[in-house]
Amino acid sequence: MERAELERALTGLFDESSLEDTARAMAELLEERYGPLPYILRSLQSDPEAFIAEGMRRFRLVTGGRLSPREREAAALAAAASLHCVPCIRTHLERGRRAGFTEEELGEILRVAAAMSEAAVLAVAVRQLEGVEEE
């Protein structure tokens, strides 16, 4: 992309008067494509610059890279379960179903996540019990 093209594409991001419009349009696009905005993005909507930056970062995570959309969804569901994020679990269960996972596969993803989470809790707790420094 030529510098002039890049400058034209980013004009709205640098023009204070259009930051709110750009953020609003981005929110609408993200909701249309991916469903309700995650809490953190909703909370950033009062700061259009932060919202745009975080929205772009999240959009890249869910659309790019070497993982297939299905693999990315499995990872997101496992992370959501491990972190005990109920809204995220709900969202990624639904998205997992849309990605073609069966209920049995979704259950297995959740069980793997639970085992990893449990192992991490035990490792930290037992180290503290035994007075062992973190590795």
C-alpha atoms as a PDB file:
ATOM      1  CA  MET A   1       0.000   0.000   0.000  1.00  0.00           C
ATOM      2  CA  GLU A   2       1.312   3.395  -0.952  1.00  0.00           C
ATOM      3  CA  ARG A   3       1.798   6.008   1.766  1.00  0.00           C
ATOM      4  CA  ALA A   4      -0.930   8.238   0.291  1.00  0.00           C
ATOM      5  CA  GLU A   5      -3.397   5.305   0.306  1.00  0.00           C
ATOM      6  CA  LEU A   6      -2.529   4.526   3.901  1.00  0.00           C
ATOM      7  CA  GLU A   7      -3.009   8.161   4.917  1.00  0.00           C
ATOM      8  CA  ARG A   8      -6.437   8.248   3.240  1.00  0.00           C
ATOM      9  CA  ALA A   9      -7.461   4.968   4.903  1.00  0.00           C
ATOM     10  CA  LEU A  10      -6.417   6.210   8.344  1.00  0.00           C
ATOM     11  CA  THR A  11      -7.769   9.757   8.082  1.00  0.00           C
ATOM     12  CA  GLY A  12     -10.798   8.953  10.220  1.00  0.00           C
ATOM     13  CA  LEU A  13      -8.580   7.542  12.936  1.00  0.00           C
ATOM     14  CA  PHE A  14      -6.600  10.757  13.236  1.00  0.00           C
ATOM     15  CA  ASP A  15      -9.425  13.248  12.829  1.00  0.00           C
ATOM     16  CA  GLU A  16     -10.795  13.969  16.324  1.00  0.00           C
ATOM     17  CA  SER A  17     -14.199  14.918  14.948  1.00  0.00           C
ATOM     18  CA  SER A  18     -14.685  11.505  13.332  1.00  0.00           C
ATOM     19  CA  LEU A  19     -13.203   9.271  16.049  1.00  0.00           C
ATOM     20  CA  GLU A  20     -16.621   8.758  17.638  1.00  0.00           C
ATOM     21  CA  ASP A  21     -18.186   7.952  14.260  1.00  0.00           C
ATOM     22  CA  THR A  22     -15.367   5.516  13.460  1.00  0.00           C
ATOM     23  CA  ALA A  23     -15.733   3.811  16.858  1.00  0.00           C
ATOM     24  CA  ARG A  24     -19.511   3.576  16.458  1.00  0.00           C
ATOM     25  CA  ALA A  25     -19.170   2.067  12.971  1.00  0.00           C
ATOM     26  CA  MET A  26     -16.571  -0.400  14.245  1.00  0.00           C
ATOM     27  CA  ALA A  27     -18.850  -1.456  17.120  1.00  0.00           C
ATOM     28  CA  GLU A  28     -21.723  -2.035  14.701  1.00  0.00           C
ATOM     29  CA  LEU A  29     -19.534  -4.096  12.369  1.00  0.00           C
ATOM     30  CA  LEU A  30     -18.123  -6.213  15.208  1.00  0.00           C
ATOM     31  CA  GLU A  31     -21.592  -6.868  16.642  1.00  0.00           C
ATOM     32  CA  GLU A  32     -22.975  -7.723  13.220  1.00  0.00           C
ATOM     33  CA  ARG A  33     -20.203 -10.222  12.517  1.00  0.00           C
ATOM     34  CA  TYR A  34     -19.505 -11.661  15.967  1.00  0.00           C
ATOM     35  CA  GLY A  35     -22.492 -10.941  18.178  1.00  0.00           C
ATOM     36  CA  PRO A  36     -22.632  -8.851  21.353  1.00  0.00           C
ATOM     37  CA  LEU A  37     -19.476  -6.963  22.218  1.00  0.00           C
ATOM     38  CA  PRO A  38     -17.401  -8.351  25.088  1.00  0.00           C
ATOM     39  CA  TYR A  39     -17.628  -6.387  28.330  1.00  0.00           C
ATOM     40  CA  ILE A  40     -14.169  -4.842  27.938  1.00  0.00           C
ATOM     41  CA  LEU A  41     -15.052  -3.393  24.531  1.00  0.00           C
ATOM     42  CA  ARG A  42     -18.388  -2.060  25.777  1.00  0.00           C
ATOM     43  CA  SER A  43     -16.578  -0.366  28.646  1.00  0.00           C
ATOM     44  CA  LEU A  44     -14.106   1.255  26.249  1.00  0.00           C
ATOM     45  CA  GLN A  45     -16.778   2.830  24.054  1.00  0.00           C
ATOM     46  CA  SER A  46     -16.572   6.052  26.071  1.00  0.00           C
ATOM     47  CA  ASP A  47     -12.948   6.374  24.887  1.00  0.00           C
ATOM     48  CA  PRO A  48     -13.150   6.048  21.081  1.00  0.00           C
ATOM     49  CA  GLU A  49      -9.385   5.938  20.548  1.00  0.00           C
ATOM     50  CA  ALA A  50      -8.913   3.085  23.050  1.00  0.00           C
ATOM     51  CA  PHE A  51     -11.993   1.311  21.688  1.00  0.00           C
ATOM     52  CA  ILE A  52     -10.677   1.435  18.112  1.00  0.00           C
ATOM     53  CA  ALA A  53      -7.234   0.175  19.121  1.00  0.00           C
ATOM     54  CA  GLU A  54      -8.605  -2.687  21.227  1.00  0.00           C
ATOM     55  CA  GLY A  55     -11.283  -3.500  18.656  1.00  0.00           C
ATOM     56  CA  MET A  56      -8.673  -3.765  15.911  1.00  0.00           C
ATOM     57  CA  ARG A  57      -6.463  -5.990  18.070  1.00  0.00           C
ATOM     58  CA  ARG A  58      -9.354  -8.315  18.913  1.00  0.00           C
ATOM     59  CA  PHE A  59     -10.588  -8.400  15.316  1.00  0.00           C
ATOM     60  CA  ARG A  60      -7.127  -9.514  14.205  1.00  0.00           C
ATOM     61  CA  LEU A  61      -7.068 -12.246  16.848  1.00  0.00           C
ATOM     62  CA  VAL A  62     -10.381 -13.716  15.737  1.00  0.00           C
ATOM     63  CA  THR A  63      -9.841 -13.417  11.990  1.00  0.00           C
ATOM     64  CA  GLY A  64      -6.162 -13.838  11.236  1.00  0.00           C
ATOM     65  CA  GLY A  65      -3.228 -16.083  11.831  1.00  0.00           C
ATOM     66  CA  ARG A  66      -2.523 -19.689  11.016  1.00  0.00           C
ATOM     67  CA  LEU A  67      -5.287 -21.314  13.047  1.00  0.00           C
ATOM     68  CA  SER A  68      -8.528 -22.182  11.332  1.00  0.00           C
ATOM     69  CA  PRO A  69     -11.667 -20.451  12.644  1.00  0.00           C
ATOM     70  CA  ARG A  70     -12.640 -23.778  14.236  1.00  0.00           C
ATOM     71  CA  GLU A  71      -9.273 -24.151  16.001  1.00  0.00           C
ATOM     72  CA  ARG A  72      -9.417 -20.529  17.151  1.00  0.00           C
ATOM     73  CA  GLU A  73     -12.894 -21.128  18.581  1.00  0.00           C
ATOM     74  CA  ALA A  74     -11.729 -24.213  20.494  1.00  0.00           C
ATOM     75  CA  ALA A  75      -8.875 -22.186  21.986  1.00  0.00           C
ATOM     76  CA  ALA A  76     -11.210 -19.327  22.911  1.00  0.00           C
ATOM     77  CA  LEU A  77     -13.679 -21.679  24.590  1.00  0.00           C
ATOM     78  CA  ALA A  78     -10.933 -23.431  26.545  1.00  0.00           C
ATOM     79  CA  ALA A  79      -9.488 -20.109  27.711  1.00  0.00           C
ATOM     80  CA  ALA A  80     -12.914 -18.778  28.669  1.00  0.00           C
ATOM     81  CA  ALA A  81     -13.623 -21.884  30.731  1.00  0.00           C
ATOM     82  CA  SER A  82     -10.205 -21.806  32.401  1.00  0.00           C
ATOM     83  CA  LEU A  83     -10.680 -18.162  33.325  1.00  0.00           C
ATOM     84  CA  HIS A  84     -14.231 -18.725  34.632  1.00  0.00           C
ATOM     85  CA  CYS A  85     -15.673 -16.052  32.320  1.00  0.00           C
ATOM     86  CA  VAL A  86     -19.360 -16.996  32.116  1.00  0.00           C
ATOM     87  CA  PRO A  87     -20.324 -14.531  29.336  1.00  0.00           C
ATOM     88  CA  CYS A  88     -17.291 -15.662  27.335  1.00  0.00           C
ATOM     89  CA  ILE A  89     -18.155 -19.339  27.852  1.00  0.00           C
ATOM     90  CA  ARG A  90     -21.711 -18.710  26.616  1.00  0.00           C
ATOM     91  CA  THR A  91     -20.476 -16.796  23.588  1.00  0.00           C
ATOM     92  CA  HIS A  92     -17.855 -19.359  22.616  1.00  0.00           C
ATOM     93  CA  LEU A  93     -20.158 -22.338  23.173  1.00  0.00           C
ATOM     94  CA  GLU A  94     -22.562 -20.770  20.689  1.00  0.00           C
ATOM     95  CA  ARG A  95     -19.784 -19.873  18.279  1.00  0.00           C
ATOM     96  CA  GLY A  96     -18.365 -23.384  18.691  1.00  0.00           C
ATOM     97  CA  ARG A  97     -21.720 -24.854  17.703  1.00  0.00           C
ATOM     98  CA  ARG A  98     -21.800 -22.575  14.658  1.00  0.00           C
ATOM     99  CA  ALA A  99     -18.249 -23.714  13.826  1.00  0.00           C
ATOM    100  CA  GLY A 100     -19.545 -27.283  13.673  1.00  0.00           C
ATOM    101  CA  PHE A 101     -18.477 -28.725  17.021  1.00  0.00           C
ATOM    102  CA  THR A 102     -20.767 -31.411  18.404  1.00  0.00           C
ATOM    103  CA  GLU A 103     -21.953 -31.268  22.006  1.00  0.00           C
ATOM    104  CA  GLU A 104     -19.541 -34.127  22.758  1.00  0.00           C
ATOM    105  CA  GLU A 105     -16.619 -32.188  21.281  1.00  0.00           C
ATOM    106  CA  LEU A 106     -17.578 -29.050  23.192  1.00  0.00           C
ATOM    107  CA  GLY A 107     -17.756 -31.107  26.380  1.00  0.00           C
ATOM    108  CA  GLU A 108     -14.303 -32.513  25.714  1.00  0.00           C
ATOM    109  CA  ILE A 109     -12.868 -29.028  25.141  1.00  0.00           C
ATOM    110  CA  LEU A 110     -14.366 -27.958  28.485  1.00  0.00           C
ATOM    111  CA  ARG A 111     -12.962 -31.019  30.269  1.00  0.00           C
ATOM    112  CA  VAL A 112      -9.465 -30.379  28.891  1.00  0.00           C
ATOM    113  CA  ALA A 113      -9.720 -26.736  29.987  1.00  0.00           C
ATOM    114  CA  ALA A 114     -10.899 -27.806  33.450  1.00  0.00           C
ATOM    115  CA  ALA A 115      -8.005 -30.244  33.809  1.00  0.00           C
ATOM    116  CA  MET A 116      -5.490 -27.547  32.830  1.00  0.00           C
ATOM    117  CA  SER A 117      -7.058 -25.047  35.203  1.00  0.00           C
ATOM    118  CA  GLU A 118      -7.086 -27.573  38.042  1.00  0.00           C
ATOM    119  CA  ALA A 119      -3.445 -28.478  37.414  1.00  0.00           C
ATOM    120  CA  ALA A 120      -2.442 -24.811  37.548  1.00  0.00           C
ATOM    121  CA  VAL A 121      -4.333 -24.243  40.823  1.00  0.00           C
ATOM    122  CA  LEU A 122      -2.790 -27.329  42.401  1.00  0.00           C
ATOM    123  CA  ALA A 123       0.716 -26.441  41.243  1.00  0.00           C
ATOM    124  CA  VAL A 124       0.531 -22.953  42.755  1.00  0.00           C
ATOM    125  CA  ALA A 125      -1.139 -24.118  45.977  1.00  0.00           C
ATOM    126  CA  VAL A 126       1.204 -27.060  46.586  1.00  0.00           C
ATOM    127  CA  ARG A 127       4.264 -24.884  45.943  1.00  0.00           C
ATOM    128  CA  GLN A 128       2.990 -22.463  48.573  1.00  0.00           C
ATOM    129  CA  LEU A 129       2.271 -25.308  50.986  1.00  0.00           C
ATOM    130  CA  GLU A 130       5.771 -26.703  50.514  1.00  0.00           C
ATOM    131  CA  GLY A 131       7.466 -23.306  50.475  1.00  0.00           C
ATOM    132  CA  VAL A 132       8.806 -23.793  46.956  1.00  0.00           C
ATOM    133  CA  GLU A 133       9.517 -20.691  44.857  1.00  0.00           C
ATOM    134  CA  GLU A 134       7.714 -20.300  41.550  1.00  0.00           C
ATOM    135  CA  GLU A 135       9.608 -21.645  38.566  1.00  0.00           C
END
